[in-house]
C-alpha atoms as a PDB file:
ATOM      1  CA  MET A   1      80.957  20.360 -34.354  1.00  0.00           C
ATOM      2  CA  ASP A   2      81.325  17.980 -31.434  1.00  0.00           C
ATOM      3  CA  ASP A   3      80.949  14.197 -31.654  1.00  0.00           C
ATOM      4  CA  ARG A   4      77.450  14.174 -30.157  1.00  0.00           C
ATOM      5  CA  THR A   5      76.110  16.702 -32.688  1.00  0.00           C
ATOM      6  CA  LEU A   6      77.738  14.780 -35.517  1.00  0.00           C
ATOM      7  CA  GLU A   7      76.152  11.526 -34.296  1.00  0.00           C
ATOM      8  CA  GLN A   8      72.724  13.166 -34.075  1.00  0.00           C
ATOM      9  CA  LEU A   9      73.073  14.604 -37.574  1.00  0.00           C
ATOM     10  CA  SER A  10      74.177  11.223 -38.878  1.00  0.00           C
ATOM     11  CA  ALA A  11      71.160   9.559 -37.234  1.00  0.00           C
ATOM     12  CA  VAL A  12      68.797  12.092 -38.834  1.00  0.00           C
ATOM     13  CA  ILE A  13      70.323  11.456 -42.267  1.00  0.00           C
ATOM     14  CA  GLU A  14      70.116   7.673 -41.851  1.00  0.00           C
ATOM     15  CA  ASP A  15      66.499   7.930 -40.694  1.00  0.00           C
ATOM     16  CA  ALA A  16      65.659  10.052 -43.731  1.00  0.00           C
ATOM     17  CA  LYS A  17      67.292   7.551 -46.070  1.00  0.00           C
ATOM     18  CA  THR A  18      65.468   4.562 -44.597  1.00  0.00           C
ATOM     19  CA  GLY A  19      62.098   6.321 -44.721  1.00  0.00           C
ATOM     20  CA  PHE A  20      62.389   6.873 -48.452  1.00  0.00           C
ATOM     21  CA  ASP A  21      62.966   3.306 -49.582  1.00  0.00           C
ATOM     22  CA  PRO A  22      60.835   1.392 -52.137  1.00  0.00           C
ATOM     23  CA  ASP A  23      60.189  -1.464 -49.701  1.00  0.00           C
ATOM     24  CA  ILE A  24      59.076   0.912 -46.961  1.00  0.00           C
ATOM     25  CA  LEU A  25      56.812   2.830 -49.335  1.00  0.00           C
ATOM     26  CA  ASP A  26      55.350  -0.469 -50.585  1.00  0.00           C
ATOM     27  CA  HIS A  27      54.670  -1.476 -46.973  1.00  0.00           C
ATOM     28  CA  TRP A  28      52.757   1.746 -46.311  1.00  0.00           C
ATOM     29  CA  TYR A  29      50.839   1.578 -49.587  1.00  0.00           C
ATOM     30  CA  TYR A  30      49.761  -1.943 -48.652  1.00  0.00           C
ATOM     31  CA  LYS A  31      48.599  -0.866 -45.187  1.00  0.00           C
ATOM     32  CA  ILE A  32      46.763   2.185 -46.572  1.00  0.00           C
ATOM     33  CA  ILE A  33      45.013   0.200 -49.295  1.00  0.00           C
ATOM     34  CA  GLU A  34      43.992  -2.602 -46.915  1.00  0.00           C
ATOM     35  CA  HIS A  35      42.644  -0.069 -44.409  1.00  0.00           C
ATOM     36  CA  THR A  36      40.723   1.669 -47.199  1.00  0.00           C
ATOM     37  CA  LYS A  37      39.207  -1.645 -48.288  1.00  0.00           C
ATOM     38  CA  GLU A  38      37.989  -2.236 -44.729  1.00  0.00           C
ATOM     39  CA  GLU A  39      36.209   1.126 -44.721  1.00  0.00           C
ATOM     40  CA  VAL A  40      34.384   1.031 -48.080  1.00  0.00           C
ATOM     41  CA  PRO A  41      31.213  -0.804 -49.122  1.00  0.00           C
ATOM     42  CA  LEU A  42      31.824  -4.347 -50.364  1.00  0.00           C
ATOM     43  CA  GLU A  43      31.139  -3.470 -54.013  1.00  0.00           C
ATOM     44  CA  LEU A  44      34.093  -1.046 -54.031  1.00  0.00           C
ATOM     45  CA  VAL A  45      36.736  -3.375 -52.556  1.00  0.00           C
ATOM     46  CA  LYS A  46      37.796  -4.779 -55.941  1.00  0.00           C
ATOM     47  CA  LYS A  47      38.114  -1.250 -57.332  1.00  0.00           C
ATOM     48  CA  ILE A  48      40.902  -0.316 -54.921  1.00  0.00           C
ATOM     49  CA  GLY A  49      44.537  -1.269 -55.279  1.00  0.00           C
ATOM     50  CA  TYR A  50      48.026  -0.153 -56.133  1.00  0.00           C
ATOM     51  CA  VAL A  51      50.858  -1.289 -58.384  1.00  0.00           C
ATOM     52  CA  GLN A  52      54.569  -0.731 -57.923  1.00  0.00           C
ATOM     53  CA  ASP A  53      56.422  -0.065 -61.174  1.00  0.00           C
ATOM     54  CA  PRO A  54      58.862  -2.960 -61.758  1.00  0.00           C
ATOM     55  CA  ILE A  55      61.416  -0.739 -63.506  1.00  0.00           C
ATOM     56  CA  LEU A  56      61.066   2.375 -61.326  1.00  0.00           C
ATOM     57  CA  PRO A  57      60.440   0.942 -57.833  1.00  0.00           C
ATOM     58  CA  MET A  58      59.820   4.381 -56.313  1.00  0.00           C
ATOM     59  CA  LYS A  59      56.854   4.868 -58.669  1.00  0.00           C
ATOM     60  CA  PHE A  60      53.438   3.592 -57.610  1.00  0.00           C
ATOM     61  CA  LYS A  61      50.042   3.748 -59.286  1.00  0.00           C
ATOM     62  CA  ILE A  62      46.934   3.882 -57.121  1.00  0.00           C
ATOM     63  CA  ASP A  63      43.698   2.492 -58.516  1.00  0.00           C
ATOM     64  CA  CYS A  64      40.744   3.796 -56.571  1.00  0.00           C
ATOM     65  CA  SER A  65      37.073   4.291 -57.288  1.00  0.00           C
ATOM     66  CA  LYS A  66      36.122   7.934 -56.963  1.00  0.00           C
ATOM     67  CA  ARG A  67      33.583   6.916 -54.318  1.00  0.00           C
ATOM     68  CA  ALA A  68      36.420   5.472 -52.191  1.00  0.00           C
ATOM     69  CA  VAL A  69      38.754   8.487 -52.376  1.00  0.00           C
ATOM     70  CA  PRO A  70      37.591   9.982 -49.039  1.00  0.00           C
ATOM     71  CA  GLN A  71      38.328   6.671 -47.292  1.00  0.00           C
ATOM     72  CA  LEU A  72      41.717   6.480 -49.024  1.00  0.00           C
ATOM     73  CA  LEU A  73      42.623   9.966 -47.787  1.00  0.00           C
ATOM     74  CA  ASN A  74      41.414   9.049 -44.286  1.00  0.00           C
ATOM     75  CA  ALA A  75      43.595   5.924 -44.348  1.00  0.00           C
ATOM     76  CA  ILE A  76      46.659   7.978 -45.278  1.00  0.00           C
ATOM     77  CA  GLU A  77      45.942  10.366 -42.409  1.00  0.00           C
ATOM     78  CA  HIS A  78      45.335   7.418 -40.064  1.00  0.00           C
ATOM     79  CA  PHE A  79      48.821   5.994 -40.648  1.00  0.00           C
ATOM     80  CA  MET A  80      50.710   9.278 -40.957  1.00  0.00           C
ATOM     81  CA  PRO A  81      51.748   9.469 -37.246  1.00  0.00           C
ATOM     82  CA  GLU A  82      53.366   6.010 -37.492  1.00  0.00           C
ATOM     83  CA  MET A  83      55.517   6.921 -40.505  1.00  0.00           C
ATOM     84  CA  GLN A  84      59.042   8.260 -40.508  1.00  0.00           C
ATOM     85  CA  TYR A  85      59.280  11.963 -41.306  1.00  0.00           C
ATOM     86  CA  VAL A  86      60.426  11.535 -44.920  1.00  0.00           C
ATOM     87  CA  THR A  87      57.710   8.941 -45.532  1.00  0.00           C
ATOM     88  CA  GLN A  88      55.160  11.376 -44.106  1.00  0.00           C
ATOM     89  CA  LEU A  89      56.312  14.024 -46.574  1.00  0.00           C
ATOM     90  CA  TYR A  90      56.011  11.538 -49.417  1.00  0.00           C
ATOM     91  CA  PHE A  91      52.437  10.588 -48.471  1.00  0.00           C
ATOM     92  CA  GLN A  92      51.459  14.220 -47.922  1.00  0.00           C
ATOM     93  CA  LYS A  93      52.366  14.752 -51.569  1.00  0.00           C
ATOM     94  CA  VAL A  94      50.393  11.642 -52.540  1.00  0.00           C
ATOM     95  CA  GLU A  95      47.397  13.127 -50.691  1.00  0.00           C
ATOM     96  CA  GLU A  96      47.745  16.403 -52.589  1.00  0.00           C
ATOM     97  CA  ILE A  97      47.861  14.605 -55.934  1.00  0.00           C
ATOM     98  CA  VAL A  98      44.881  12.366 -55.120  1.00  0.00           C
ATOM     99  CA  GLU A  99      42.826  15.336 -53.863  1.00  0.00           C
ATOM    100  CA  LYS A 100      43.631  17.357 -56.991  1.00  0.00           C
ATOM    101  CA  GLU A 101      42.711  14.501 -59.337  1.00  0.00           C
ATOM    102  CA  TYR A 102      39.560  13.837 -57.307  1.00  0.00           C
ATOM    103  CA  LYS A 103      38.459  17.455 -57.649  1.00  0.00           C
ATOM    104  CA  ASP A 104      39.442  17.689 -61.325  1.00  0.00           C
ATOM    105  CA  PHE A 105      37.852  14.385 -62.376  1.00  0.00           C
ATOM    106  CA  LYS A 106      34.995  14.819 -64.812  1.00  0.00           C
ATOM    107  CA  PRO A 107      33.196  11.552 -65.682  1.00  0.00           C
ATOM    108  CA  ASP A 108      32.067  12.868 -69.080  1.00  0.00           C
ATOM    109  CA  LYS A 109      35.744  13.377 -70.073  1.00  0.00           C
ATOM    110  CA  ALA A 110      36.617   9.807 -69.123  1.00  0.00           C
ATOM    111  CA  ASP A 111      33.710   8.420 -71.169  1.00  0.00           C
ATOM    112  CA  LYS A 112      34.865  10.198 -74.336  1.00  0.00           C
ATOM    113  CA  GLN A 113      38.400   8.775 -74.232  1.00  0.00           C
END
C-alpha cells in the first residue's frame, strides 16, 4: 500500500468515526424533529420530540404522534444527503424501525395496556 492509499483509507475511517458520534446524532435528531414540527398541524407539535438517554448517549427515544410519522420520515429523507455516510446508515435504520412500528401499531392494543 502506498502513502496516498493509506491516507485515503485513514480519512475514510476518521469520517466514519465522526459520523457515528452521540453529539452528531443529537444534532441530526434535533434538525429532523424541528423540521417535522414545521410540517405538521399545530395541534401535533407538542406530540413530537426525542430524548437522548443520559447513560447510553447513543440511544435515543423518538416521541411522535402516529399522524406525524409521514412527516417525520420525510424529514429524515430531507436531511439524508447532508449527513455523513455512517450517519445516513444510522438514520436509514431509524426509518426502518419507525416504519415497522407505524405499520404494526394497533390503537386498541395501546388502550388495553
